[in-house]
Amino acid sequence: MLLARGRFWNAALSKTERTVLLSLLRDELPEEYRELREMKIEVPLDSWNRLQKHARTDRKLLGGIMLDFTNQKDQLSVAVGSDRLFSELQSVISDATLSLVENTVLTLTQVDVGAE
């Protein structure tokens, strides 16, 4: 199921494996990113919160988290290092999170921060 799509990035849900597949759209990539055409990041739903939580923070931290979910570690550093690709990745992660919540794949819960 397609969760979110940008100009360069795509997020899809794999029902059988309970993972979100983040991938670069091959036909849309500029020539300078030709080496990234096979880029795929498979994030288990159990780890999606950690990825989403840091999507809008430091790019090194987000890249470090995504290293656990890809076999293309060299390509990941190029993708996260590109301002165009990174900013769209952040948007696709946010849009995919909304779609996951809307489709009740993920649920929101209230966290008790402590009694006053």
PDB file of N, CA and C in Angstrom:
ATOM      1  N   MET A   1       0.846  -1.167   0.000  1.00  0.00           N
ATOM      2  CA  MET A   1       0.000   0.000   0.000  1.00  0.00           C
ATOM      3  C   MET A   1       0.900   1.242   0.000  1.00  0.00           C
ATOM      4  N   LEU A   2       0.628   2.149  -0.905  1.00  0.00           N
ATOM      5  CA  LEU A   2       1.373   3.399  -0.987  1.00  0.00           C
ATOM      6  C   LEU A   2       0.971   4.299   0.175  1.00  0.00           C
ATOM      7  N   LEU A   3       1.962   4.769   0.923  1.00  0.00           N
ATOM      8  CA  LEU A   3       1.711   5.641   2.067  1.00  0.00           C
ATOM      9  C   LEU A   3       1.949   7.105   1.726  1.00  0.00           C
ATOM     10  N   ALA A   4       3.036   7.370   1.021  1.00  0.00           N
ATOM     11  CA  ALA A   4       3.394   8.744   0.678  1.00  0.00           C
ATOM     12  C   ALA A   4       4.319   8.710  -0.533  1.00  0.00           C
ATOM     13  N   ARG A   5       4.244   9.776  -1.305  1.00  0.00           N
ATOM     14  CA  ARG A   5       5.112   9.874  -2.476  1.00  0.00           C
ATOM     15  C   ARG A   5       5.487  11.325  -2.687  1.00  0.00           C
ATOM     16  N   GLY A   6       6.771  11.522  -2.905  1.00  0.00           N
ATOM     17  CA  GLY A   6       7.277  12.841  -3.238  1.00  0.00           C
ATOM     18  C   GLY A   6       7.849  12.793  -4.641  1.00  0.00           C
ATOM     19  N   ARG A   7       8.590  13.782  -4.989  1.00  0.00           N
ATOM     20  CA  ARG A   7       9.210  13.791  -6.313  1.00  0.00           C
ATOM     21  C   ARG A   7      10.301  12.731  -6.428  1.00  0.00           C
ATOM     22  N   PHE A   8      11.066  12.533  -5.344  1.00  0.00           N
ATOM     23  CA  PHE A   8      12.182  11.597  -5.367  1.00  0.00           C
ATOM     24  C   PHE A   8      11.965  10.354  -4.507  1.00  0.00           C
ATOM     25  N   TRP A   9      11.214  10.476  -3.409  1.00  0.00           N
ATOM     26  CA  TRP A   9      11.050   9.384  -2.448  1.00  0.00           C
ATOM     27  C   TRP A   9       9.647   8.802  -2.495  1.00  0.00           C
ATOM     28  N   ASN A  10       9.564   7.539  -2.125  1.00  0.00           N
ATOM     29  CA  ASN A  10       8.321   6.795  -2.077  1.00  0.00           C
ATOM     30  C   ASN A  10       8.289   6.032  -0.750  1.00  0.00           C
ATOM     31  N   ALA A  11       7.136   5.970  -0.092  1.00  0.00           N
ATOM     32  CA  ALA A  11       6.977   5.165   1.120  1.00  0.00           C
ATOM     33  C   ALA A  11       5.795   4.236   0.909  1.00  0.00           C
ATOM     34  N   ALA A  12       6.032   2.948   1.110  1.00  0.00           N
ATOM     35  CA  ALA A  12       4.978   1.950   0.914  1.00  0.00           C
ATOM     36  C   ALA A  12       4.981   0.971   2.077  1.00  0.00           C
ATOM     37  N   LEU A  13       3.810   0.468   2.399  1.00  0.00           N
ATOM     38  CA  LEU A  13       3.657  -0.497   3.480  1.00  0.00           C
ATOM     39  C   LEU A  13       3.656  -1.901   2.908  1.00  0.00           C
ATOM     40  N   SER A  14       4.480  -2.749   3.485  1.00  0.00           N
ATOM     41  CA  SER A  14       4.500  -4.164   3.131  1.00  0.00           C
ATOM     42  C   SER A  14       3.644  -4.903   4.147  1.00  0.00           C
ATOM     43  N   LYS A  15       2.487  -5.388   3.740  1.00  0.00           N
ATOM     44  CA  LYS A  15       1.558  -6.032   4.673  1.00  0.00           C
ATOM     45  C   LYS A  15       2.121  -7.327   5.243  1.00  0.00           C
ATOM     46  N   THR A  16       2.819  -8.071   4.443  1.00  0.00           N
ATOM     47  CA  THR A  16       3.295  -9.377   4.902  1.00  0.00           C
ATOM     48  C   THR A  16       4.421  -9.259   5.918  1.00  0.00           C
ATOM     49  N   GLU A  17       5.278  -8.283   5.750  1.00  0.00           N
ATOM     50  CA  GLU A  17       6.449  -8.180   6.626  1.00  0.00           C
ATOM     51  C   GLU A  17       6.297  -7.132   7.713  1.00  0.00           C
ATOM     52  N   ARG A  18       5.217  -6.348   7.668  1.00  0.00           N
ATOM     53  CA  ARG A  18       5.002  -5.291   8.646  1.00  0.00           C
ATOM     54  C   ARG A  18       6.170  -4.303   8.673  1.00  0.00           C
ATOM     55  N   THR A  19       6.568  -3.888   7.471  1.00  0.00           N
ATOM     56  CA  THR A  19       7.635  -2.903   7.327  1.00  0.00           C
ATOM     57  C   THR A  19       7.177  -1.784   6.404  1.00  0.00           C
ATOM     58  N   VAL A  20       7.837  -0.648   6.531  1.00  0.00           N
ATOM     59  CA  VAL A  20       7.643   0.463   5.605  1.00  0.00           C
ATOM     60  C   VAL A  20       8.890   0.516   4.735  1.00  0.00           C
ATOM     61  N   LEU A  21       8.678   0.503   3.451  1.00  0.00           N
ATOM     62  CA  LEU A  21       9.783   0.564   2.493  1.00  0.00           C
ATOM     63  C   LEU A  21       9.913   1.987   1.972  1.00  0.00           C
ATOM     64  N   LEU A  22      11.024   2.627   2.305  1.00  0.00           N
ATOM     65  CA  LEU A  22      11.367   3.941   1.762  1.00  0.00           C
ATOM     66  C   LEU A  22      12.315   3.703   0.596  1.00  0.00           C
ATOM     67  N   SER A  23      11.975   4.208  -0.564  1.00  0.00           N
ATOM     68  CA  SER A  23      12.835   3.997  -1.723  1.00  0.00           C
ATOM     69  C   SER A  23      12.868   5.248  -2.582  1.00  0.00           C
ATOM     70  N   LEU A  24      13.960   5.387  -3.300  1.00  0.00           N
ATOM     71  CA  LEU A  24      14.099   6.497  -4.237  1.00  0.00           C
ATOM     72  C   LEU A  24      13.455   6.104  -5.554  1.00  0.00           C
ATOM     73  N   LEU A  25      12.772   7.052  -6.166  1.00  0.00           N
ATOM     74  CA  LEU A  25      12.124   6.810  -7.452  1.00  0.00           C
ATOM     75  C   LEU A  25      13.169   6.941  -8.561  1.00  0.00           C
ATOM     76  N   ARG A  26      13.474   5.858  -9.197  1.00  0.00           N
ATOM     77  CA  ARG A  26      14.570   5.792 -10.163  1.00  0.00           C
ATOM     78  C   ARG A  26      14.439   6.779 -11.314  1.00  0.00           C
ATOM     79  N   ASP A  27      13.261   6.875 -11.879  1.00  0.00           N
ATOM     80  CA  ASP A  27      13.088   7.698 -13.078  1.00  0.00           C
ATOM     81  C   ASP A  27      13.127   9.188 -12.803  1.00  0.00           C
ATOM     82  N   GLU A  28      12.926   9.584 -11.563  1.00  0.00           N
ATOM     83  CA  GLU A  28      12.868  10.998 -11.218  1.00  0.00           C
ATOM     84  C   GLU A  28      14.189  11.573 -10.728  1.00  0.00           C
ATOM     85  N   LEU A  29      15.160  10.707 -10.439  1.00  0.00           N
ATOM     86  CA  LEU A  29      16.420  11.195  -9.880  1.00  0.00           C
ATOM     87  C   LEU A  29      17.238  11.968 -10.909  1.00  0.00           C
ATOM     88  N   PRO A  30      17.824  13.088 -10.494  1.00  0.00           N
ATOM     89  CA  PRO A  30      18.743  13.808 -11.378  1.00  0.00           C
ATOM     90  C   PRO A  30      19.977  12.948 -11.662  1.00  0.00           C
ATOM     91  N   GLU A  31      20.658  13.243 -12.720  1.00  0.00           N
ATOM     92  CA  GLU A  31      21.823  12.470 -13.146  1.00  0.00           C
ATOM     93  C   GLU A  31      22.912  12.385 -12.073  1.00  0.00           C
ATOM     94  N   GLU A  32      23.097  13.436 -11.280  1.00  0.00           N
ATOM     95  CA  GLU A  32      24.168  13.408 -10.277  1.00  0.00           C
ATOM     96  C   GLU A  32      23.902  12.387  -9.165  1.00  0.00           C
ATOM     97  N   TYR A  33      22.672  11.858  -9.095  1.00  0.00           N
ATOM     98  CA  TYR A  33      22.339  10.850  -8.095  1.00  0.00           C
ATOM     99  C   TYR A  33      22.071   9.480  -8.708  1.00  0.00           C
ATOM    100  N   ARG A  34      22.615   9.254  -9.877  1.00  0.00           N
ATOM    101  CA  ARG A  34      22.410   7.987 -10.590  1.00  0.00           C
ATOM    102  C   ARG A  34      22.796   6.783  -9.724  1.00  0.00           C
ATOM    103  N   GLU A  35      23.823   6.919  -8.906  1.00  0.00           N
ATOM    104  CA  GLU A  35      24.295   5.814  -8.064  1.00  0.00           C
ATOM    105  C   GLU A  35      23.277   5.411  -6.999  1.00  0.00           C
ATOM    106  N   LEU A  36      22.277   6.239  -6.749  1.00  0.00           N
ATOM    107  CA  LEU A  36      21.297   5.969  -5.701  1.00  0.00           C
ATOM    108  C   LEU A  36      20.041   5.272  -6.207  1.00  0.00           C
ATOM    109  N   ARG A  37      20.020   4.873  -7.435  1.00  0.00           N
ATOM    110  CA  ARG A  37      18.792   4.331  -8.039  1.00  0.00           C
ATOM    111  C   ARG A  37      18.288   3.051  -7.394  1.00  0.00           C
ATOM    112  N   GLU A  38      19.108   2.356  -6.670  1.00  0.00           N
ATOM    113  CA  GLU A  38      18.679   1.121  -5.999  1.00  0.00           C
ATOM    114  C   GLU A  38      18.484   1.325  -4.497  1.00  0.00           C
ATOM    115  N   MET A  39      18.447   2.558  -4.043  1.00  0.00           N
ATOM    116  CA  MET A  39      18.357   2.878  -2.622  1.00  0.00           C
ATOM    117  C   MET A  39      17.032   2.433  -2.023  1.00  0.00           C
ATOM    118  N   LYS A  40      17.100   1.594  -0.987  1.00  0.00           N
ATOM    119  CA  LYS A  40      15.911   1.117  -0.282  1.00  0.00           C
ATOM    120  C   LYS A  40      16.217   1.053   1.209  1.00  0.00           C
ATOM    121  N   ILE A  41      15.246   1.493   1.980  1.00  0.00           N
ATOM    122  CA  ILE A  41      15.355   1.450   3.436  1.00  0.00           C
ATOM    123  C   ILE A  41      14.098   0.744   3.940  1.00  0.00           C
ATOM    124  N   GLU A  42      14.267  -0.396   4.596  1.00  0.00           N
ATOM    125  CA  GLU A  42      13.141  -1.185   5.089  1.00  0.00           C
ATOM    126  C   GLU A  42      13.040  -1.026   6.603  1.00  0.00           C
ATOM    127  N   VAL A  43      12.058  -0.244   7.036  1.00  0.00           N
ATOM    128  CA  VAL A  43      11.906   0.082   8.452  1.00  0.00           C
ATOM    129  C   VAL A  43      10.764  -0.749   9.048  1.00  0.00           C
ATOM    130  N   PRO A  44      11.052  -1.604  10.018  1.00  0.00           N
ATOM    131  CA  PRO A  44       9.973  -2.349  10.683  1.00  0.00           C
ATOM    132  C   PRO A  44       9.027  -1.373  11.391  1.00  0.00           C
ATOM    133  N   LEU A  45       7.743  -1.691  11.389  1.00  0.00           N
ATOM    134  CA  LEU A  45       6.774  -0.815  12.050  1.00  0.00           C
ATOM    135  C   LEU A  45       7.107  -0.606  13.519  1.00  0.00           C
ATOM    136  N   ASP A  46       7.710  -1.600  14.145  1.00  0.00           N
ATOM    137  CA  ASP A  46       8.094  -1.465  15.554  1.00  0.00           C
ATOM    138  C   ASP A  46       9.131  -0.372  15.769  1.00  0.00           C
ATOM    139  N   SER A  47       9.879  -0.028  14.730  1.00  0.00           N
ATOM    140  CA  SER A  47      10.924   0.990  14.833  1.00  0.00           C
ATOM    141  C   SER A  47      10.539   2.309  14.173  1.00  0.00           C
ATOM    142  N   TRP A  48       9.334   2.387  13.599  1.00  0.00           N
ATOM    143  CA  TRP A  48       8.928   3.586  12.860  1.00  0.00           C
ATOM    144  C   TRP A  48       8.899   4.814  13.766  1.00  0.00           C
ATOM    145  N   ASN A  49       8.446   4.666  14.997  1.00  0.00           N
ATOM    146  CA  ASN A  49       8.379   5.801  15.910  1.00  0.00           C
ATOM    147  C   ASN A  49       9.749   6.451  16.096  1.00  0.00           C
ATOM    148  N   ARG A  50      10.762   5.635  16.243  1.00  0.00           N
ATOM    149  CA  ARG A  50      12.127   6.160  16.432  1.00  0.00           C
ATOM    150  C   ARG A  50      12.571   6.955  15.206  1.00  0.00           C
ATOM    151  N   LEU A  51      12.247   6.450  14.023  1.00  0.00           N
ATOM    152  CA  LEU A  51      12.614   7.147  12.790  1.00  0.00           C
ATOM    153  C   LEU A  51      11.838   8.453  12.663  1.00  0.00           C
ATOM    154  N   GLN A  52      10.537   8.385  12.889  1.00  0.00           N
ATOM    155  CA  GLN A  52       9.692   9.562  12.746  1.00  0.00           C
ATOM    156  C   GLN A  52      10.045  10.629  13.779  1.00  0.00           C
ATOM    157  N   LYS A  53      10.374  10.199  14.965  1.00  0.00           N
ATOM    158  CA  LYS A  53      10.708  11.128  16.054  1.00  0.00           C
ATOM    159  C   LYS A  53      11.906  12.007  15.691  1.00  0.00           C
ATOM    160  N   HIS A  54      12.859  11.447  14.959  1.00  0.00           N
ATOM    161  CA  HIS A  54      14.071  12.189  14.627  1.00  0.00           C
ATOM    162  C   HIS A  54      14.106  12.684  13.183  1.00  0.00           C
ATOM    163  N   ALA A  55      12.989  12.565  12.477  1.00  0.00           N
ATOM    164  CA  ALA A  55      12.952  12.981  11.071  1.00  0.00           C
ATOM    165  C   ALA A  55      13.209  14.479  10.906  1.00  0.00           C
ATOM    166  N   ARG A  56      12.800  15.271  11.870  1.00  0.00           N
ATOM    167  CA  ARG A  56      12.977  16.725  11.761  1.00  0.00           C
ATOM    168  C   ARG A  56      14.112  17.257  12.631  1.00  0.00           C
ATOM    169  N   THR A  57      14.967  16.365  13.110  1.00  0.00           N
ATOM    170  CA  THR A  57      16.092  16.820  13.925  1.00  0.00           C
ATOM    171  C   THR A  57      17.367  16.751  13.091  1.00  0.00           C
ATOM    172  N   ASP A  58      18.423  16.371  13.681  1.00  0.00           N
ATOM    173  CA  ASP A  58      19.742  16.324  13.067  1.00  0.00           C
ATOM    174  C   ASP A  58      19.830  15.261  11.972  1.00  0.00           C
ATOM    175  N   ARG A  59      20.359  15.622  10.813  1.00  0.00           N
ATOM    176  CA  ARG A  59      20.444  14.668   9.696  1.00  0.00           C
ATOM    177  C   ARG A  59      21.391  13.519  10.003  1.00  0.00           C
ATOM    178  N   LYS A  60      22.440  13.768  10.790  1.00  0.00           N
ATOM    179  CA  LYS A  60      23.354  12.683  11.146  1.00  0.00           C
ATOM    180  C   LYS A  60      22.660  11.657  12.036  1.00  0.00           C
ATOM    181  N   LEU A  61      21.835  12.135  12.949  1.00  0.00           N
ATOM    182  CA  LEU A  61      21.105  11.232  13.826  1.00  0.00           C
ATOM    183  C   LEU A  61      20.107  10.403  13.024  1.00  0.00           C
ATOM    184  N   LEU A  62      19.360  11.032  12.147  1.00  0.00           N
ATOM    185  CA  LEU A  62      18.408  10.297  11.312  1.00  0.00           C
ATOM    186  C   LEU A  62      19.132   9.308  10.415  1.00  0.00           C
ATOM    187  N   GLY A  63      20.231   9.733   9.819  1.00  0.00           N
ATOM    188  CA  GLY A  63      21.022   8.829   8.978  1.00  0.00           C
ATOM    189  C   GLY A  63      21.557   7.648   9.769  1.00  0.00           C
ATOM    190  N   GLY A  64      21.984   7.896  10.991  1.00  0.00           N
ATOM    191  CA  GLY A  64      22.478   6.817  11.840  1.00  0.00           C
ATOM    192  C   GLY A  64      21.396   5.808  12.179  1.00  0.00           C
ATOM    193  N   ILE A  65      20.193   6.292  12.406  1.00  0.00           N
ATOM    194  CA  ILE A  65      19.077   5.398  12.685  1.00  0.00           C
ATOM    195  C   ILE A  65      18.770   4.558  11.443  1.00  0.00           C
ATOM    196  N   MET A  66      18.768   5.184  10.283  1.00  0.00           N
ATOM    197  CA  MET A  66      18.430   4.471   9.046  1.00  0.00           C
ATOM    198  C   MET A  66      19.500   3.462   8.641  1.00  0.00           C
ATOM    199  N   LEU A  67      20.729   3.618   9.134  1.00  0.00           N
ATOM    200  CA  LEU A  67      21.782   2.636   8.827  1.00  0.00           C
ATOM    201  C   LEU A  67      21.386   1.225   9.246  1.00  0.00           C
ATOM    202  N   ASP A  68      20.592   1.126  10.307  1.00  0.00           N
ATOM    203  CA  ASP A  68      20.146  -0.183  10.783  1.00  0.00           C
ATOM    204  C   ASP A  68      19.191  -0.871   9.814  1.00  0.00           C
ATOM    205  N   PHE A  69      18.606  -0.108   8.889  1.00  0.00           N
ATOM    206  CA  PHE A  69      17.534  -0.641   8.057  1.00  0.00           C
ATOM    207  C   PHE A  69      17.866  -0.717   6.567  1.00  0.00           C
ATOM    208  N   THR A  70      19.130  -0.553   6.204  1.00  0.00           N
ATOM    209  CA  THR A  70      19.505  -0.620   4.793  1.00  0.00           C
ATOM    210  C   THR A  70      20.793  -1.402   4.611  1.00  0.00           C
ATOM    211  N   ASN A  71      20.927  -1.995   3.454  1.00  0.00           N
ATOM    212  CA  ASN A  71      22.179  -2.671   3.093  1.00  0.00           C
ATOM    213  C   ASN A  71      23.078  -1.751   2.272  1.00  0.00           C
ATOM    214  N   GLN A  72      22.556  -0.633   1.805  1.00  0.00           N
ATOM    215  CA  GLN A  72      23.311   0.304   0.982  1.00  0.00           C
ATOM    216  C   GLN A  72      23.828   1.466   1.828  1.00  0.00           C
ATOM    217  N   LYS A  73      24.723   1.164   2.723  1.00  0.00           N
ATOM    218  CA  LYS A  73      25.205   2.152   3.691  1.00  0.00           C
ATOM    219  C   LYS A  73      25.951   3.305   3.028  1.00  0.00           C
ATOM    220  N   ASP A  74      26.752   3.024   1.990  1.00  0.00           N
ATOM    221  CA  ASP A  74      27.460   4.093   1.284  1.00  0.00           C
ATOM    222  C   ASP A  74      26.486   5.019   0.566  1.00  0.00           C
ATOM    223  N   GLN A  75      25.455   4.452  -0.021  1.00  0.00           N
ATOM    224  CA  GLN A  75      24.465   5.248  -0.732  1.00  0.00           C
ATOM    225  C   GLN A  75      23.646   6.097   0.235  1.00  0.00           C
ATOM    226  N   LEU A  76      23.404   5.579   1.424  1.00  0.00           N
ATOM    227  CA  LEU A  76      22.621   6.319   2.410  1.00  0.00           C
ATOM    228  C   LEU A  76      23.295   7.634   2.770  1.00  0.00           C
ATOM    229  N   SER A  77      24.613   7.632   2.923  1.00  0.00           N
ATOM    230  CA  SER A  77      25.302   8.873   3.280  1.00  0.00           C
ATOM    231  C   SER A  77      25.167   9.915   2.182  1.00  0.00           C
ATOM    232  N   VAL A  78      25.148   9.500   0.938  1.00  0.00           N
ATOM    233  CA  VAL A  78      24.960  10.436  -0.184  1.00  0.00           C
ATOM    234  C   VAL A  78      23.532  10.987  -0.159  1.00  0.00           C
ATOM    235  N   ALA A  79      22.546  10.111   0.060  1.00  0.00           N
ATOM    236  CA  ALA A  79      21.142  10.542   0.076  1.00  0.00           C
ATOM    237  C   ALA A  79      20.859  11.506   1.221  1.00  0.00           C
ATOM    238  N   VAL A  80      21.392  11.230   2.399  1.00  0.00           N
ATOM    239  CA  VAL A  80      21.165  12.100   3.553  1.00  0.00           C
ATOM    240  C   VAL A  80      21.989  13.377   3.435  1.00  0.00           C
ATOM    241  N   GLY A  81      23.101  13.308   2.728  1.00  0.00           N
ATOM    242  CA  GLY A  81      23.958  14.482   2.553  1.00  0.00           C
ATOM    243  C   GLY A  81      23.423  15.497   1.559  1.00  0.00           C
ATOM    244  N   SER A  82      22.534  15.079   0.686  1.00  0.00           N
ATOM    245  CA  SER A  82      21.943  15.980  -0.300  1.00  0.00           C
ATOM    246  C   SER A  82      20.785  16.751   0.327  1.00  0.00           C
ATOM    247  N   ASP A  83      20.840  18.073   0.273  1.00  0.00           N
ATOM    248  CA  ASP A  83      19.774  18.884   0.856  1.00  0.00           C
ATOM    249  C   ASP A  83      18.424  18.607   0.204  1.00  0.00           C
ATOM    250  N   ARG A  84      18.405  18.484  -1.127  1.00  0.00           N
ATOM    251  CA  ARG A  84      17.138  18.230  -1.838  1.00  0.00           C
ATOM    252  C   ARG A  84      16.536  16.895  -1.449  1.00  0.00           C
ATOM    253  N   LEU A  85      17.350  15.862  -1.445  1.00  0.00           N
ATOM    254  CA  LEU A  85      16.844  14.532  -1.120  1.00  0.00           C
ATOM    255  C   LEU A  85      16.469  14.422   0.350  1.00  0.00           C
ATOM    256  N   PHE A  86      17.272  15.034   1.224  1.00  0.00           N
ATOM    257  CA  PHE A  86      17.005  14.948   2.655  1.00  0.00           C
ATOM    258  C   PHE A  86      15.720  15.677   3.034  1.00  0.00           C
ATOM    259  N   SER A  87      15.508  16.872   2.508  1.00  0.00           N
ATOM    260  CA  SER A  87      14.294  17.618   2.869  1.00  0.00           C
ATOM    261  C   SER A  87      13.045  16.894   2.392  1.00  0.00           C
ATOM    262  N   GLU A  88      13.118  16.275   1.224  1.00  0.00           N
ATOM    263  CA  GLU A  88      11.950  15.528   0.771  1.00  0.00           C
ATOM    264  C   GLU A  88      11.758  14.251   1.583  1.00  0.00           C
ATOM    265  N   LEU A  89      12.842  13.607   1.973  1.00  0.00           N
ATOM    266  CA  LEU A  89      12.741  12.417   2.823  1.00  0.00           C
ATOM    267  C   LEU A  89      12.014  12.763   4.120  1.00  0.00           C
ATOM    268  N   GLN A  90      12.333  13.901   4.708  1.00  0.00           N
ATOM    269  CA  GLN A  90      11.654  14.336   5.928  1.00  0.00           C
ATOM    270  C   GLN A  90      10.153  14.473   5.697  1.00  0.00           C
ATOM    271  N   SER A  91       9.765  15.061   4.584  1.00  0.00           N
ATOM    272  CA  SER A  91       8.346  15.242   4.271  1.00  0.00           C
ATOM    273  C   SER A  91       7.655  13.910   4.029  1.00  0.00           C
ATOM    274  N   VAL A  92       8.310  13.005   3.317  1.00  0.00           N
ATOM    275  CA  VAL A  92       7.717  11.702   3.027  1.00  0.00           C
ATOM    276  C   VAL A  92       7.543  10.898   4.312  1.00  0.00           C
ATOM    277  N   ILE A  93       8.500  10.982   5.224  1.00  0.00           N
ATOM    278  CA  ILE A  93       8.364  10.285   6.516  1.00  0.00           C
ATOM    279  C   ILE A  93       7.165  10.834   7.280  1.00  0.00           C
ATOM    280  N   SER A  94       6.995  12.148   7.309  1.00  0.00           N
ATOM    281  CA  SER A  94       5.850  12.752   8.002  1.00  0.00           C
ATOM    282  C   SER A  94       4.529  12.353   7.354  1.00  0.00           C
ATOM    283  N   ASP A  95       4.470  12.418   6.029  1.00  0.00           N
ATOM    284  CA  ASP A  95       3.246  12.043   5.314  1.00  0.00           C
ATOM    285  C   ASP A  95       2.925  10.561   5.494  1.00  0.00           C
ATOM    286  N   ALA A  96       3.949   9.719   5.486  1.00  0.00           N
ATOM    287  CA  ALA A  96       3.742   8.286   5.683  1.00  0.00           C
ATOM    288  C   ALA A  96       3.225   8.009   7.090  1.00  0.00           C
ATOM    289  N   THR A  97       3.727   8.749   8.067  1.00  0.00           N
ATOM    290  CA  THR A  97       3.252   8.581   9.443  1.00  0.00           C
ATOM    291  C   THR A  97       1.770   8.923   9.540  1.00  0.00           C
ATOM    292  N   LEU A  98       1.375  10.018   8.920  1.00  0.00           N
ATOM    293  CA  LEU A  98      -0.042  10.388   8.925  1.00  0.00           C
ATOM    294  C   LEU A  98      -0.894   9.311   8.269  1.00  0.00           C
ATOM    295  N   SER A  99      -0.432   8.782   7.177  1.00  0.00           N
ATOM    296  CA  SER A  99      -1.160   7.729   6.479  1.00  0.00           C
ATOM    297  C   SER A  99      -1.255   6.464   7.326  1.00  0.00           C
ATOM    298  N   LEU A 100      -0.185   6.111   8.015  1.00  0.00           N
ATOM    299  CA  LEU A 100      -0.200   4.942   8.892  1.00  0.00           C
ATOM    300  C   LEU A 100      -1.211   5.111  10.026  1.00  0.00           C
ATOM    301  N   VAL A 101      -1.306   6.310  10.577  1.00  0.00           N
ATOM    302  CA  VAL A 101      -2.266   6.581  11.648  1.00  0.00           C
ATOM    303  C   VAL A 101      -3.687   6.575  11.089  1.00  0.00           C
ATOM    304  N   GLU A 102      -3.889   7.226   9.950  1.00  0.00           N
ATOM    305  CA  GLU A 102      -5.227   7.274   9.344  1.00  0.00           C
ATOM    306  C   GLU A 102      -5.745   5.882   9.001  1.00  0.00           C
ATOM    307  N   ASN A 103      -4.854   4.991   8.606  1.00  0.00           N
ATOM    308  CA  ASN A 103      -5.246   3.634   8.241  1.00  0.00           C
ATOM    309  C   ASN A 103      -5.186   2.676   9.426  1.00  0.00           C
ATOM    310  N   THR A 104      -5.047   3.206  10.615  1.00  0.00           N
ATOM    311  CA  THR A 104      -4.987   2.476  11.885  1.00  0.00           C
ATOM    312  C   THR A 104      -3.928   1.375  11.916  1.00  0.00           C
ATOM    313  N   VAL A 105      -2.865   1.587  11.164  1.00  0.00           N
ATOM    314  CA  VAL A 105      -1.720   0.682  11.237  1.00  0.00           C
ATOM    315  C   VAL A 105      -0.899   1.036  12.470  1.00  0.00           C
ATOM    316  N   LEU A 106      -0.781   2.333  12.727  1.00  0.00           N
ATOM    317  CA  LEU A 106      -0.165   2.849  13.953  1.00  0.00           C
ATOM    318  C   LEU A 106      -1.248   3.529  14.761  1.00  0.00           C
ATOM    319  N   THR A 107      -1.119   3.488  16.065  1.00  0.00           N
ATOM    320  CA  THR A 107      -2.088   4.176  16.915  1.00  0.00           C
ATOM    321  C   THR A 107      -1.367   5.178  17.800  1.00  0.00           C
ATOM    322  N   LEU A 108      -2.081   6.219  18.128  1.00  0.00           N
ATOM    323  CA  LEU A 108      -1.555   7.229  19.035  1.00  0.00           C
ATOM    324  C   LEU A 108      -1.988   6.870  20.446  1.00  0.00           C
ATOM    325  N   THR A 109      -1.090   7.030  21.380  1.00  0.00           N
ATOM    326  CA  THR A 109      -1.430   6.781  22.772  1.00  0.00           C
ATOM    327  C   THR A 109      -1.011   7.969  23.610  1.00  0.00           C
ATOM    328  N   GLN A 110      -1.708   8.161  24.689  1.00  0.00           N
ATOM    329  CA  GLN A 110      -1.370   9.244  25.609  1.00  0.00           C
ATOM    330  C   GLN A 110      -0.330   8.727  26.582  1.00  0.00           C
ATOM    331  N   VAL A 111       0.707   9.501  26.767  1.00  0.00           N
ATOM    332  CA  VAL A 111       1.778   9.134  27.675  1.00  0.00           C
ATOM    333  C   VAL A 111       1.645   9.969  28.941  1.00  0.00           C
ATOM    334  N   ASP A 112       1.634   9.305  30.082  1.00  0.00           N
ATOM    335  CA  ASP A 112       1.561  10.000  31.360  1.00  0.00           C
ATOM    336  C   ASP A 112       2.953  10.501  31.715  1.00  0.00           C
ATOM    337  N   VAL A 113       3.122  11.812  31.701  1.00  0.00           N
ATOM    338  CA  VAL A 113       4.408  12.411  31.956  1.00  0.00           C
ATOM    339  C   VAL A 113       4.697  12.495  33.453  1.00  0.00           C
ATOM    340  N   GLY A 114       3.710  12.336  34.242  1.00  0.00           N
ATOM    341  CA  GLY A 114       3.880  12.389  35.701  1.00  0.00           C
ATOM    342  C   GLY A 114       2.761  13.187  36.327  1.00  0.00           C
ATOM    343  N   ALA A 115       2.461  12.856  37.518  1.00  0.00           N
ATOM    344  CA  ALA A 115       1.385  13.553  38.246  1.00  0.00           C
ATOM    345  C   ALA A 115       1.950  14.826  38.872  1.00  0.00           C
ATOM    346  N   GLU A 116       1.103  15.831  38.917  1.00  0.00           N
ATOM    347  CA  GLU A 116       1.529  17.092  39.525  1.00  0.00           C
ATOM    348  C   GLU A 116       1.210  17.137  40.973  1.00  0.00           C
TER     349      GLU A 116
END
